[in-house]
Amino acid sequence: MTPEIETLRQKLDLIEDKLISLLNERVEYVLEIGRIKREQGLPITDPKREETILNRVAQKNPGPMSDEFVKEIFKKIIEESIKMESCG
């Protein structure tokens, strides 16, 4: 493997570490929202909010990833968030 590829892979590793950290930070808020929803007897799912998130992330996407790909990633994040909110 060339040094150039190794350097680029190390940069990818750092980005992946940041993504994990940010996703876990997001989950902390998800868990807090879930707690509040349970206390107030609110439904865990909010299809309108989910649609808002998906539209917003697609709008914010500068590329080169497609908007559909970004939406699919966030659909998975939302799906997992709902599971976590439900369990508390």
Protein backbone atom coordinates (compact mmCIF):
# COMPACT_ATOMS: atom_id res chain seq x y z
CA MET A 1 0.00 0.00 0.00
CA THR A 2 1.30 3.43 -0.87
CA PRO A 3 1.99 6.06 1.81
CA GLU A 4 -0.58 8.31 0.13
CA ILE A 5 -3.32 5.69 0.49
CA GLU A 6 -2.32 5.04 4.10
CA THR A 7 -2.51 8.76 4.90
CA LEU A 8 -5.94 9.04 3.30
CA ARG A 9 -7.16 5.97 5.20
CA GLN A 10 -5.96 7.49 8.46
CA LYS A 11 -8.00 10.60 7.65
CA LEU A 12 -11.02 8.39 6.99
CA ASP A 13 -10.49 6.72 10.36
CA LEU A 14 -10.58 10.13 12.08
CA ILE A 15 -13.78 11.08 10.27
CA GLU A 16 -15.38 7.77 11.25
CA ASP A 17 -14.40 8.39 14.88
CA LYS A 18 -16.06 11.83 14.72
CA LEU A 19 -19.19 10.35 13.16
CA ILE A 20 -19.48 7.80 15.96
CA SER A 21 -19.04 10.53 18.55
CA LEU A 22 -21.66 12.75 16.90
CA LEU A 23 -24.15 9.89 16.56
CA ASN A 24 -23.74 9.04 20.23
CA GLU A 25 -24.21 12.70 21.14
CA ARG A 26 -27.42 12.68 19.09
CA VAL A 27 -28.61 9.58 20.95
CA GLU A 28 -28.20 11.38 24.27
CA TYR A 29 -30.77 13.94 23.08
CA VAL A 30 -32.99 11.19 21.67
CA LEU A 31 -33.05 9.45 25.05
CA GLU A 32 -33.94 12.70 26.81
CA ILE A 33 -36.74 13.39 24.32
CA GLY A 34 -38.02 9.85 24.83
CA ARG A 35 -38.07 10.35 28.60
CA ILE A 36 -40.05 13.59 28.23
CA LYS A 37 -42.48 11.98 25.78
CA ARG A 38 -43.13 9.09 28.19
CA GLU A 39 -43.63 11.48 31.12
CA GLN A 40 -46.11 13.55 29.11
CA GLY A 41 -47.85 10.57 27.55
CA LEU A 42 -46.87 11.63 24.05
CA PRO A 43 -46.43 9.17 21.18
CA ILE A 44 -42.86 8.11 20.48
CA THR A 45 -43.21 8.35 16.72
CA ASP A 46 -43.88 11.62 14.93
CA PRO A 47 -44.15 11.01 11.17
CA LYS A 48 -44.36 14.75 10.47
CA ARG A 49 -41.08 15.36 12.32
CA GLU A 50 -39.46 12.43 10.54
CA GLU A 51 -40.45 13.85 7.16
CA THR A 52 -39.14 17.27 8.20
CA ILE A 53 -35.77 15.75 9.13
CA LEU A 54 -35.50 13.85 5.85
CA ASN A 55 -36.36 16.91 3.78
CA ARG A 56 -33.95 19.11 5.76
CA VAL A 57 -30.98 16.75 5.43
CA ALA A 58 -31.62 16.39 1.69
CA GLN A 59 -31.70 20.18 1.36
CA LYS A 60 -28.47 20.55 3.35
CA ASN A 61 -26.67 17.92 1.29
CA PRO A 62 -24.07 19.63 -0.93
CA GLY A 63 -23.10 16.37 -2.67
CA PRO A 64 -21.43 14.37 -4.05
CA MET A 65 -23.71 11.92 -2.20
CA SER A 66 -27.20 11.78 -3.64
CA ASP A 67 -30.07 13.22 -1.63
CA GLU A 68 -31.72 9.80 -1.67
CA PHE A 69 -28.64 8.18 -0.15
CA VAL A 70 -28.50 10.80 2.60
CA LYS A 71 -32.20 10.26 3.28
CA GLU A 72 -31.66 6.50 3.53
CA ILE A 73 -28.89 7.00 6.09
CA PHE A 74 -31.15 9.22 8.16
CA LYS A 75 -34.08 6.82 7.86
CA LYS A 76 -31.86 4.23 9.56
CA ILE A 77 -30.79 6.74 12.21
CA ILE A 78 -34.43 7.66 12.86
CA GLU A 79 -35.44 3.99 13.00
CA GLU A 80 -32.80 3.27 15.63
CA SER A 81 -33.72 6.45 17.50
CA ILE A 82 -37.35 5.33 17.75
CA LYS A 83 -36.22 2.00 19.19
CA MET A 84 -34.07 3.77 21.75
CA GLU A 85 -36.78 6.29 22.67
CA SER A 86 -39.19 3.41 23.19
CA CYS A 87 -36.87 1.55 25.55
CA GLY A 88 -35.67 4.57 27.47
